[in-house]
Amino acid sequence: MSRAAALFARWRVRLGYLLALVVLWFARPTPASVLLGAGVGACGLAIRAYAAGYLHKQSVLTVTGPYAHTRNPLYLGSSVLALGAALATRSWISSGVLVVYFALVYAVVMRREEQELLLQHGHSFKAYATAVPLFFPRFTPARLEGASPGSFSLAQYKKNHEYEAAVGFVLLLAVFLLKWHFWPV
């Protein structure tokens, strides 16, 4: 990974806070836009929750469940979540900031994580990467030789702290509603 990509990956959360202020400044939410965003965001949260229930970070190469459709179901869920947030803002500027930030950050993060998985899992990861797309899911699950069937685990979901994404999204929607209430357009 290049030095610039490593720096970007390290600063992405701090940059995200700054961009959140920009998004909030230009947001023009209404109760209807927040409700629409909440519905789309709930789909993103469901995708993330499903993926988190399968993911065993750093211990095994997860290739079943949603990981048999896309190598990055958590980030796919995050993209749907970001779309929900963009819809809730009811602002082209806020939506553009969210889309550009998401695309840049996750393109770097996914490639960095791929390099880590390749180093950790070698040939198994190469076979997986050949069968399963990076981001946009395949319709049928890939069947990899030697892969254990795996199943969703609520304990694993909790261990991955995925509920924090839901709490964060609900708080974001509440901020949008507060903005609408106190500074209506």
N, C-alpha and C. Protein backbone atom coordinates (compact mmCIF):
# COMPACT_ATOMS: atom_id res chain seq x y z
N MET A 1 0.85 -1.17 0.00
CA MET A 1 0.00 0.00 0.00
C MET A 1 0.90 1.24 0.00
N SER A 2 0.50 2.22 -0.78
CA SER A 2 1.29 3.44 -0.88
C SER A 2 1.23 4.22 0.44
N ARG A 3 2.18 5.10 0.60
CA ARG A 3 2.24 5.93 1.81
C ARG A 3 0.98 6.80 1.93
N ALA A 4 0.53 7.36 0.80
CA ALA A 4 -0.67 8.21 0.81
C ALA A 4 -1.90 7.40 1.20
N ALA A 5 -2.01 6.18 0.68
CA ALA A 5 -3.15 5.32 1.01
C ALA A 5 -3.13 4.96 2.49
N ALA A 6 -1.96 4.68 3.04
CA ALA A 6 -1.85 4.35 4.46
C ALA A 6 -2.25 5.54 5.33
N LEU A 7 -1.81 6.74 4.94
CA LEU A 7 -2.16 7.95 5.67
C LEU A 7 -3.67 8.19 5.61
N PHE A 8 -4.24 8.02 4.42
CA PHE A 8 -5.67 8.21 4.23
C PHE A 8 -6.46 7.21 5.09
N ALA A 9 -6.02 5.95 5.10
CA ALA A 9 -6.70 4.92 5.88
C ALA A 9 -6.65 5.25 7.37
N ARG A 10 -5.52 5.78 7.83
CA ARG A 10 -5.35 6.10 9.24
C ARG A 10 -6.21 7.31 9.65
N TRP A 11 -6.41 8.28 8.75
CA TRP A 11 -7.13 9.50 9.07
C TRP A 11 -8.59 9.48 8.64
N ARG A 12 -9.08 8.39 8.12
CA ARG A 12 -10.42 8.37 7.55
C ARG A 12 -11.51 8.67 8.58
N VAL A 13 -11.35 8.22 9.82
CA VAL A 13 -12.37 8.47 10.83
C VAL A 13 -12.38 9.94 11.22
N ARG A 14 -11.22 10.51 11.44
CA ARG A 14 -11.15 11.94 11.79
C ARG A 14 -11.70 12.81 10.66
N LEU A 15 -11.34 12.46 9.44
CA LEU A 15 -11.87 13.17 8.28
C LEU A 15 -13.38 13.02 8.21
N GLY A 16 -13.87 11.85 8.57
CA GLY A 16 -15.31 11.59 8.59
C GLY A 16 -16.06 12.52 9.53
N TYR A 17 -15.47 12.82 10.68
CA TYR A 17 -16.12 13.75 11.62
C TYR A 17 -16.24 15.14 11.00
N LEU A 18 -15.18 15.60 10.36
CA LEU A 18 -15.21 16.91 9.71
C LEU A 18 -16.26 16.93 8.60
N LEU A 19 -16.28 15.88 7.79
CA LEU A 19 -17.25 15.82 6.70
C LEU A 19 -18.68 15.68 7.22
N ALA A 20 -18.85 15.07 8.39
CA ALA A 20 -20.18 14.98 8.98
C ALA A 20 -20.73 16.36 9.27
N LEU A 21 -19.86 17.27 9.71
CA LEU A 21 -20.30 18.65 9.95
C LEU A 21 -20.72 19.33 8.65
N VAL A 22 -19.98 19.07 7.57
CA VAL A 22 -20.33 19.63 6.27
C VAL A 22 -21.68 19.07 5.81
N VAL A 23 -21.85 17.76 5.95
CA VAL A 23 -23.11 17.12 5.57
C VAL A 23 -24.26 17.72 6.37
N LEU A 24 -24.07 17.88 7.67
CA LEU A 24 -25.13 18.44 8.50
C LEU A 24 -25.43 19.88 8.12
N TRP A 25 -24.42 20.66 7.83
CA TRP A 25 -24.60 22.07 7.47
C TRP A 25 -25.50 22.21 6.23
N PHE A 26 -25.23 21.38 5.22
CA PHE A 26 -25.98 21.50 3.96
C PHE A 26 -27.27 20.68 3.94
N ALA A 27 -27.46 19.84 4.95
CA ALA A 27 -28.66 18.98 4.99
C ALA A 27 -29.91 19.83 5.12
N ARG A 28 -30.95 19.41 4.43
CA ARG A 28 -32.26 20.06 4.48
C ARG A 28 -33.33 19.00 4.74
N PRO A 29 -33.19 18.30 5.88
CA PRO A 29 -34.09 17.16 6.12
C PRO A 29 -35.52 17.59 6.43
N THR A 30 -36.42 16.69 6.13
CA THR A 30 -37.82 16.81 6.52
C THR A 30 -38.20 15.49 7.17
N PRO A 31 -39.28 15.44 7.89
CA PRO A 31 -39.68 14.14 8.45
C PRO A 31 -39.83 13.06 7.37
N ALA A 32 -40.35 13.44 6.21
CA ALA A 32 -40.52 12.45 5.13
C ALA A 32 -39.16 11.95 4.61
N SER A 33 -38.18 12.86 4.45
CA SER A 33 -36.87 12.42 3.96
C SER A 33 -36.16 11.56 4.99
N VAL A 34 -36.33 11.89 6.27
CA VAL A 34 -35.72 11.10 7.33
C VAL A 34 -36.36 9.71 7.38
N LEU A 35 -37.66 9.65 7.20
CA LEU A 35 -38.35 8.35 7.19
C LEU A 35 -37.88 7.50 6.01
N LEU A 36 -37.77 8.11 4.83
CA LEU A 36 -37.28 7.39 3.66
C LEU A 36 -35.85 6.91 3.90
N GLY A 37 -35.00 7.80 4.41
CA GLY A 37 -33.62 7.43 4.71
C GLY A 37 -33.54 6.31 5.75
N ALA A 38 -34.42 6.36 6.73
CA ALA A 38 -34.45 5.32 7.76
C ALA A 38 -34.79 3.96 7.17
N GLY A 39 -35.73 3.93 6.24
CA GLY A 39 -36.11 2.67 5.61
C GLY A 39 -34.97 2.07 4.80
N VAL A 40 -34.31 2.91 4.00
CA VAL A 40 -33.17 2.43 3.21
C VAL A 40 -32.02 2.04 4.15
N GLY A 41 -31.77 2.88 5.14
CA GLY A 41 -30.71 2.60 6.10
C GLY A 41 -30.94 1.30 6.86
N ALA A 42 -32.21 1.00 7.17
CA ALA A 42 -32.52 -0.26 7.87
C ALA A 42 -32.10 -1.46 7.02
N CYS A 43 -32.24 -1.35 5.70
CA CYS A 43 -31.77 -2.43 4.82
C CYS A 43 -30.26 -2.58 4.92
N GLY A 44 -29.55 -1.45 4.95
CA GLY A 44 -28.10 -1.49 5.11
C GLY A 44 -27.69 -2.10 6.44
N LEU A 45 -28.41 -1.74 7.50
CA LEU A 45 -28.12 -2.30 8.82
C LEU A 45 -28.37 -3.81 8.84
N ALA A 46 -29.42 -4.25 8.14
CA ALA A 46 -29.72 -5.69 8.08
C ALA A 46 -28.60 -6.44 7.36
N ILE A 47 -28.09 -5.88 6.27
CA ILE A 47 -26.98 -6.51 5.55
C ILE A 47 -25.75 -6.58 6.45
N ARG A 48 -25.45 -5.48 7.14
CA ARG A 48 -24.30 -5.45 8.04
C ARG A 48 -24.47 -6.46 9.18
N ALA A 49 -25.67 -6.54 9.75
CA ALA A 49 -25.92 -7.46 10.85
C ALA A 49 -25.74 -8.91 10.39
N TYR A 50 -26.28 -9.23 9.23
CA TYR A 50 -26.15 -10.58 8.67
C TYR A 50 -24.67 -10.92 8.47
N ALA A 51 -23.91 -10.00 7.94
CA ALA A 51 -22.49 -10.24 7.70
C ALA A 51 -21.72 -10.37 9.02
N ALA A 52 -22.03 -9.52 9.99
CA ALA A 52 -21.31 -9.55 11.27
C ALA A 52 -21.54 -10.86 12.02
N GLY A 53 -22.69 -11.49 11.80
CA GLY A 53 -22.98 -12.76 12.45
C GLY A 53 -22.18 -13.92 11.89
N TYR A 54 -21.54 -13.73 10.76
CA TYR A 54 -20.68 -14.75 10.15
C TYR A 54 -19.20 -14.46 10.34
N LEU A 55 -18.86 -13.21 10.52
CA LEU A 55 -17.45 -12.78 10.48
C LEU A 55 -16.69 -13.11 11.76
N HIS A 56 -15.59 -13.82 11.59
CA HIS A 56 -14.65 -14.14 12.66
C HIS A 56 -13.35 -13.40 12.34
N LYS A 57 -13.28 -12.15 12.74
CA LYS A 57 -12.15 -11.28 12.38
C LYS A 57 -10.82 -11.90 12.80
N GLN A 58 -9.88 -11.87 11.88
CA GLN A 58 -8.49 -12.27 12.11
C GLN A 58 -8.29 -13.75 12.42
N SER A 59 -9.35 -14.53 12.58
CA SER A 59 -9.12 -15.93 12.95
C SER A 59 -9.29 -16.90 11.78
N VAL A 60 -10.30 -16.67 10.95
CA VAL A 60 -10.52 -17.55 9.80
C VAL A 60 -10.93 -16.70 8.60
N LEU A 61 -10.75 -17.27 7.43
CA LEU A 61 -11.21 -16.62 6.21
C LEU A 61 -12.69 -16.98 6.05
N THR A 62 -13.56 -16.00 6.24
CA THR A 62 -15.00 -16.23 6.17
C THR A 62 -15.43 -16.23 4.71
N VAL A 63 -16.02 -17.35 4.26
CA VAL A 63 -16.39 -17.49 2.85
C VAL A 63 -17.83 -17.99 2.68
N THR A 64 -18.58 -18.03 3.77
CA THR A 64 -19.96 -18.53 3.71
C THR A 64 -20.93 -17.42 4.04
N GLY A 65 -22.22 -17.75 3.95
CA GLY A 65 -23.25 -16.75 4.21
C GLY A 65 -23.13 -15.62 3.20
N PRO A 66 -23.21 -14.37 3.64
CA PRO A 66 -23.11 -13.25 2.70
C PRO A 66 -21.73 -13.16 2.05
N TYR A 67 -20.73 -13.73 2.70
CA TYR A 67 -19.36 -13.71 2.15
C TYR A 67 -19.20 -14.64 0.96
N ALA A 68 -20.20 -15.46 0.68
CA ALA A 68 -20.19 -16.29 -0.52
C ALA A 68 -20.75 -15.53 -1.72
N HIS A 69 -21.28 -14.33 -1.46
CA HIS A 69 -21.85 -13.49 -2.52
C HIS A 69 -20.94 -12.30 -2.84
N THR A 70 -20.34 -11.73 -1.82
CA THR A 70 -19.43 -10.59 -1.98
C THR A 70 -18.35 -10.69 -0.91
N ARG A 71 -17.14 -10.28 -1.26
CA ARG A 71 -16.05 -10.32 -0.28
C ARG A 71 -16.20 -9.24 0.78
N ASN A 72 -17.06 -8.28 0.55
CA ASN A 72 -17.20 -7.16 1.48
C ASN A 72 -18.66 -6.84 1.81
N PRO A 73 -19.39 -7.79 2.40
CA PRO A 73 -20.79 -7.51 2.70
C PRO A 73 -20.98 -6.41 3.75
N LEU A 74 -20.03 -6.27 4.67
CA LEU A 74 -20.15 -5.18 5.64
C LEU A 74 -20.10 -3.83 4.93
N TYR A 75 -19.19 -3.70 3.97
CA TYR A 75 -19.08 -2.43 3.25
C TYR A 75 -20.24 -2.23 2.28
N LEU A 76 -20.77 -3.31 1.75
CA LEU A 76 -21.98 -3.21 0.93
C LEU A 76 -23.12 -2.67 1.79
N GLY A 77 -23.26 -3.22 2.99
CA GLY A 77 -24.27 -2.72 3.92
C GLY A 77 -24.03 -1.27 4.29
N SER A 78 -22.75 -0.92 4.48
CA SER A 78 -22.42 0.48 4.78
C SER A 78 -22.79 1.40 3.64
N SER A 79 -22.64 0.92 2.40
CA SER A 79 -22.99 1.77 1.26
C SER A 79 -24.50 2.01 1.22
N VAL A 80 -25.28 0.99 1.53
CA VAL A 80 -26.74 1.16 1.59
C VAL A 80 -27.10 2.08 2.76
N LEU A 81 -26.40 1.95 3.86
CA LEU A 81 -26.59 2.83 5.01
C LEU A 81 -26.27 4.28 4.64
N ALA A 82 -25.18 4.48 3.92
CA ALA A 82 -24.81 5.83 3.46
C ALA A 82 -25.86 6.39 2.50
N LEU A 83 -26.42 5.53 1.64
CA LEU A 83 -27.49 5.97 0.75
C LEU A 83 -28.70 6.42 1.57
N GLY A 84 -29.01 5.67 2.62
CA GLY A 84 -30.11 6.07 3.51
C GLY A 84 -29.85 7.42 4.15
N ALA A 85 -28.62 7.64 4.60
CA ALA A 85 -28.26 8.94 5.20
C ALA A 85 -28.37 10.05 4.15
N ALA A 86 -27.90 9.76 2.93
CA ALA A 86 -27.97 10.76 1.85
C ALA A 86 -29.42 11.13 1.55
N LEU A 87 -30.30 10.15 1.50
CA LEU A 87 -31.71 10.43 1.25
C LEU A 87 -32.31 11.25 2.39
N ALA A 88 -31.90 10.95 3.61
CA ALA A 88 -32.43 11.68 4.77
C ALA A 88 -32.01 13.15 4.74
N THR A 89 -30.85 13.46 4.17
CA THR A 89 -30.39 14.86 4.15
C THR A 89 -31.22 15.74 3.24
N ARG A 90 -31.77 15.16 2.18
CA ARG A 90 -32.52 15.91 1.17
C ARG A 90 -31.68 17.05 0.60
N SER A 91 -30.39 16.74 0.35
CA SER A 91 -29.45 17.74 -0.15
C SER A 91 -28.48 17.10 -1.12
N TRP A 92 -28.37 17.69 -2.32
CA TRP A 92 -27.42 17.16 -3.31
C TRP A 92 -25.98 17.32 -2.83
N ILE A 93 -25.69 18.43 -2.15
CA ILE A 93 -24.32 18.66 -1.66
C ILE A 93 -23.97 17.62 -0.59
N SER A 94 -24.85 17.47 0.40
CA SER A 94 -24.60 16.48 1.45
C SER A 94 -24.49 15.07 0.87
N SER A 95 -25.38 14.76 -0.06
CA SER A 95 -25.35 13.43 -0.69
C SER A 95 -24.05 13.23 -1.46
N GLY A 96 -23.61 14.26 -2.18
CA GLY A 96 -22.36 14.15 -2.92
C GLY A 96 -21.16 13.93 -2.01
N VAL A 97 -21.13 14.65 -0.90
CA VAL A 97 -20.04 14.49 0.07
C VAL A 97 -20.02 13.05 0.59
N LEU A 98 -21.20 12.53 0.94
CA LEU A 98 -21.29 11.17 1.45
C LEU A 98 -20.82 10.13 0.42
N VAL A 99 -21.26 10.29 -0.82
CA VAL A 99 -20.91 9.33 -1.87
C VAL A 99 -19.41 9.37 -2.17
N VAL A 100 -18.86 10.57 -2.31
CA VAL A 100 -17.42 10.68 -2.62
C VAL A 100 -16.59 10.14 -1.46
N TYR A 101 -16.94 10.51 -0.24
CA TYR A 101 -16.20 10.03 0.93
C TYR A 101 -16.25 8.50 1.00
N PHE A 102 -17.46 7.95 0.86
CA PHE A 102 -17.60 6.50 0.93
C PHE A 102 -16.77 5.82 -0.15
N ALA A 103 -16.89 6.29 -1.37
CA ALA A 103 -16.17 5.66 -2.49
C ALA A 103 -14.66 5.70 -2.28
N LEU A 104 -14.15 6.85 -1.88
CA LEU A 104 -12.70 6.97 -1.68
C LEU A 104 -12.21 6.13 -0.51
N VAL A 105 -12.87 6.28 0.62
CA VAL A 105 -12.43 5.57 1.83
C VAL A 105 -12.49 4.07 1.64
N TYR A 106 -13.61 3.57 1.18
CA TYR A 106 -13.75 2.13 1.12
C TYR A 106 -12.98 1.49 -0.02
N ALA A 107 -12.71 2.23 -1.08
CA ALA A 107 -11.83 1.69 -2.13
C ALA A 107 -10.44 1.44 -1.55
N VAL A 108 -9.95 2.38 -0.76
CA VAL A 108 -8.63 2.22 -0.14
C VAL A 108 -8.67 1.11 0.92
N VAL A 109 -9.68 1.14 1.76
CA VAL A 109 -9.78 0.17 2.85
C VAL A 109 -9.93 -1.26 2.31
N MET A 110 -10.77 -1.46 1.31
CA MET A 110 -10.97 -2.81 0.77
C MET A 110 -9.67 -3.35 0.17
N ARG A 111 -8.94 -2.52 -0.54
CA ARG A 111 -7.67 -2.99 -1.14
C ARG A 111 -6.64 -3.29 -0.06
N ARG A 112 -6.59 -2.45 0.98
CA ARG A 112 -5.65 -2.71 2.07
C ARG A 112 -5.99 -4.03 2.77
N GLU A 113 -7.26 -4.24 3.04
CA GLU A 113 -7.67 -5.48 3.70
C GLU A 113 -7.41 -6.70 2.82
N GLU A 114 -7.56 -6.53 1.51
CA GLU A 114 -7.24 -7.64 0.60
C GLU A 114 -5.79 -8.06 0.72
N GLN A 115 -4.90 -7.08 0.81
CA GLN A 115 -3.47 -7.39 0.95
C GLN A 115 -3.21 -8.14 2.26
N GLU A 116 -3.86 -7.72 3.33
CA GLU A 116 -3.71 -8.39 4.62
C GLU A 116 -4.22 -9.83 4.55
N LEU A 117 -5.39 -10.02 3.92
CA LEU A 117 -5.96 -11.37 3.80
C LEU A 117 -5.09 -12.26 2.92
N LEU A 118 -4.53 -11.70 1.88
CA LEU A 118 -3.63 -12.46 1.01
C LEU A 118 -2.40 -12.91 1.78
N LEU A 119 -1.83 -12.04 2.58
CA LEU A 119 -0.67 -12.40 3.39
C LEU A 119 -1.03 -13.46 4.43
N GLN A 120 -2.19 -13.33 5.03
CA GLN A 120 -2.60 -14.25 6.10
C GLN A 120 -3.10 -15.60 5.57
N HIS A 121 -3.80 -15.60 4.43
CA HIS A 121 -4.46 -16.83 3.98
C HIS A 121 -3.96 -17.36 2.64
N GLY A 122 -3.09 -16.63 1.96
CA GLY A 122 -2.43 -17.09 0.75
C GLY A 122 -3.35 -17.66 -0.31
N HIS A 123 -3.09 -18.93 -0.67
CA HIS A 123 -3.82 -19.59 -1.76
C HIS A 123 -5.32 -19.63 -1.51
N SER A 124 -5.73 -19.85 -0.27
CA SER A 124 -7.17 -19.90 0.04
C SER A 124 -7.84 -18.58 -0.32
N PHE A 125 -7.17 -17.46 0.00
CA PHE A 125 -7.75 -16.17 -0.34
C PHE A 125 -7.77 -15.96 -1.84
N LYS A 126 -6.73 -16.38 -2.54
CA LYS A 126 -6.69 -16.23 -4.00
C LYS A 126 -7.86 -16.97 -4.64
N ALA A 127 -8.12 -18.19 -4.19
CA ALA A 127 -9.24 -18.97 -4.73
C ALA A 127 -10.56 -18.27 -4.42
N TYR A 128 -10.69 -17.76 -3.22
CA TYR A 128 -11.89 -17.04 -2.81
C TYR A 128 -12.08 -15.78 -3.65
N ALA A 129 -11.02 -15.01 -3.83
CA ALA A 129 -11.10 -13.77 -4.60
C ALA A 129 -11.43 -14.02 -6.06
N THR A 130 -11.03 -15.16 -6.57
CA THR A 130 -11.35 -15.53 -7.95
C THR A 130 -12.83 -15.85 -8.10
N ALA A 131 -13.42 -16.45 -7.06
CA ALA A 131 -14.81 -16.91 -7.14
C ALA A 131 -15.84 -15.87 -6.70
N VAL A 132 -15.42 -14.93 -5.84
CA VAL A 132 -16.38 -14.00 -5.24
C VAL A 132 -15.97 -12.56 -5.56
N PRO A 133 -16.91 -11.75 -6.07
CA PRO A 133 -16.57 -10.36 -6.42
C PRO A 133 -16.22 -9.51 -5.19
N LEU A 134 -15.43 -8.48 -5.44
CA LEU A 134 -14.97 -7.58 -4.38
C LEU A 134 -16.12 -6.88 -3.67
N PHE A 135 -17.07 -6.33 -4.43
CA PHE A 135 -18.09 -5.49 -3.81
C PHE A 135 -19.51 -5.83 -4.25
N PHE A 136 -19.79 -5.71 -5.54
CA PHE A 136 -21.14 -6.00 -6.01
C PHE A 136 -21.38 -7.51 -5.97
N PRO A 137 -22.43 -7.94 -5.28
CA PRO A 137 -22.61 -9.38 -5.03
C PRO A 137 -23.01 -10.17 -6.27
N ARG A 138 -22.59 -11.41 -6.24
CA ARG A 138 -23.06 -12.38 -7.24
C ARG A 138 -24.41 -12.91 -6.75
N PHE A 139 -25.24 -13.37 -7.69
CA PHE A 139 -26.58 -13.83 -7.33
C PHE A 139 -26.57 -15.16 -6.59
N THR A 140 -25.75 -16.08 -7.04
CA THR A 140 -25.69 -17.38 -6.39
C THR A 140 -24.44 -17.45 -5.52
N PRO A 141 -24.52 -18.14 -4.40
CA PRO A 141 -23.35 -18.22 -3.53
C PRO A 141 -22.23 -19.05 -4.17
N ALA A 142 -21.02 -18.61 -3.99
CA ALA A 142 -19.86 -19.37 -4.47
C ALA A 142 -19.70 -20.60 -3.57
N ARG A 143 -19.34 -21.69 -4.17
CA ARG A 143 -19.07 -22.92 -3.41
C ARG A 143 -17.58 -23.20 -3.53
N LEU A 144 -16.89 -23.00 -2.44
CA LEU A 144 -15.45 -23.18 -2.44
C LEU A 144 -15.08 -24.52 -1.84
N GLU A 145 -14.13 -25.15 -2.46
CA GLU A 145 -13.65 -26.45 -2.00
C GLU A 145 -13.05 -26.32 -0.60
N GLY A 146 -13.50 -27.18 0.30
CA GLY A 146 -12.96 -27.21 1.65
C GLY A 146 -13.55 -26.18 2.60
N ALA A 147 -14.51 -25.39 2.14
CA ALA A 147 -15.11 -24.37 3.01
C ALA A 147 -16.12 -25.02 3.94
N SER A 148 -16.04 -24.69 5.22
CA SER A 148 -17.03 -25.20 6.16
C SER A 148 -18.32 -24.43 5.95
N PRO A 149 -19.47 -25.06 6.19
CA PRO A 149 -20.73 -24.41 5.87
C PRO A 149 -20.96 -23.10 6.63
N GLY A 150 -20.58 -23.01 7.87
CA GLY A 150 -20.77 -21.78 8.63
C GLY A 150 -22.24 -21.47 8.82
N SER A 151 -22.54 -20.65 9.80
CA SER A 151 -23.91 -20.23 10.04
C SER A 151 -23.89 -18.92 10.81
N PHE A 152 -25.03 -18.23 10.77
CA PHE A 152 -25.14 -16.98 11.49
C PHE A 152 -25.08 -17.24 12.99
N SER A 153 -24.38 -16.37 13.71
CA SER A 153 -24.27 -16.50 15.16
C SER A 153 -24.56 -15.15 15.80
N LEU A 154 -25.57 -15.12 16.65
CA LEU A 154 -25.90 -13.89 17.37
C LEU A 154 -24.74 -13.50 18.29
N ALA A 155 -24.09 -14.50 18.87
CA ALA A 155 -22.93 -14.22 19.73
C ALA A 155 -21.82 -13.54 18.93
N GLN A 156 -21.62 -13.98 17.69
CA GLN A 156 -20.59 -13.37 16.84
C GLN A 156 -20.99 -11.95 16.46
N TYR A 157 -22.26 -11.74 16.18
CA TYR A 157 -22.79 -10.40 15.90
C TYR A 157 -22.45 -9.47 17.06
N LYS A 158 -22.73 -9.92 18.28
CA LYS A 158 -22.44 -9.11 19.47
C LYS A 158 -20.95 -8.90 19.65
N LYS A 159 -20.17 -9.95 19.44
CA LYS A 159 -18.71 -9.84 19.58
C LYS A 159 -18.13 -8.81 18.62
N ASN A 160 -18.72 -8.69 17.44
CA ASN A 160 -18.27 -7.72 16.44
C ASN A 160 -18.83 -6.32 16.69
N HIS A 161 -19.62 -6.15 17.75
CA HIS A 161 -20.16 -4.84 18.14
C HIS A 161 -20.96 -4.17 17.02
N GLU A 162 -21.65 -4.97 16.23
CA GLU A 162 -22.38 -4.43 15.09
C GLU A 162 -23.55 -3.56 15.51
N TYR A 163 -24.09 -3.77 16.70
CA TYR A 163 -25.19 -2.96 17.20
C TYR A 163 -24.79 -1.48 17.27
N GLU A 164 -23.51 -1.19 17.33
CA GLU A 164 -23.06 0.20 17.39
C GLU A 164 -23.42 0.96 16.10
N ALA A 165 -23.43 0.27 14.97
CA ALA A 165 -23.82 0.92 13.71
C ALA A 165 -25.28 1.34 13.77
N ALA A 166 -26.13 0.51 14.34
CA ALA A 166 -27.55 0.84 14.46
C ALA A 166 -27.75 2.03 15.39
N VAL A 167 -27.06 2.04 16.51
CA VAL A 167 -27.15 3.16 17.45
C VAL A 167 -26.69 4.45 16.78
N GLY A 168 -25.57 4.39 16.08
CA GLY A 168 -25.05 5.57 15.39
C GLY A 168 -26.01 6.09 14.34
N PHE A 169 -26.63 5.19 13.58
CA PHE A 169 -27.56 5.62 12.53
C PHE A 169 -28.81 6.26 13.13
N VAL A 170 -29.32 5.68 14.20
CA VAL A 170 -30.50 6.26 14.87
C VAL A 170 -30.16 7.65 15.40
N LEU A 171 -28.97 7.81 15.98
CA LEU A 171 -28.56 9.13 16.47
C LEU A 171 -28.45 10.14 15.33
N LEU A 172 -27.91 9.69 14.19
CA LEU A 172 -27.80 10.57 13.02
C LEU A 172 -29.18 11.03 12.57
N LEU A 173 -30.12 10.11 12.49
CA LEU A 173 -31.49 10.48 12.10
C LEU A 173 -32.11 11.45 13.10
N ALA A 174 -31.82 11.24 14.38
CA ALA A 174 -32.34 12.15 15.41
C ALA A 174 -31.76 13.55 15.22
N VAL A 175 -30.48 13.64 14.88
CA VAL A 175 -29.87 14.95 14.63
C VAL A 175 -30.53 15.62 13.43
N PHE A 176 -30.81 14.84 12.38
CA PHE A 176 -31.50 15.41 11.22
C PHE A 176 -32.88 15.94 11.61
N LEU A 177 -33.60 15.20 12.45
CA LEU A 177 -34.92 15.66 12.88
C LEU A 177 -34.81 16.90 13.75
N LEU A 178 -33.80 16.96 14.58
CA LEU A 178 -33.58 18.17 15.39
C LEU A 178 -33.26 19.37 14.51
N LYS A 179 -32.46 19.14 13.49
CA LYS A 179 -32.15 20.24 12.57
C LYS A 179 -33.43 20.71 11.88
N TRP A 180 -34.24 19.80 11.41
CA TRP A 180 -35.49 20.17 10.77
C TRP A 180 -36.39 20.97 11.75
N HIS A 181 -36.44 20.50 13.00
CA HIS A 181 -37.31 21.14 13.98
C HIS A 181 -36.84 22.57 14.32
N PHE A 182 -35.53 22.73 14.52
CA PHE A 182 -35.02 24.03 14.96
C PHE A 182 -34.61 24.95 13.83
N TRP A 183 -34.26 24.39 12.68
CA TRP A 183 -33.85 25.21 11.53
C TRP A 183 -34.55 24.73 10.27
N PRO A 184 -35.88 24.83 10.23
CA PRO A 184 -36.59 24.34 9.03
C PRO A 184 -36.22 25.16 7.80
N VAL A 185 -36.31 24.48 6.67
CA VAL A 185 -35.95 25.13 5.40
C VAL A 185 -37.12 25.95 4.91
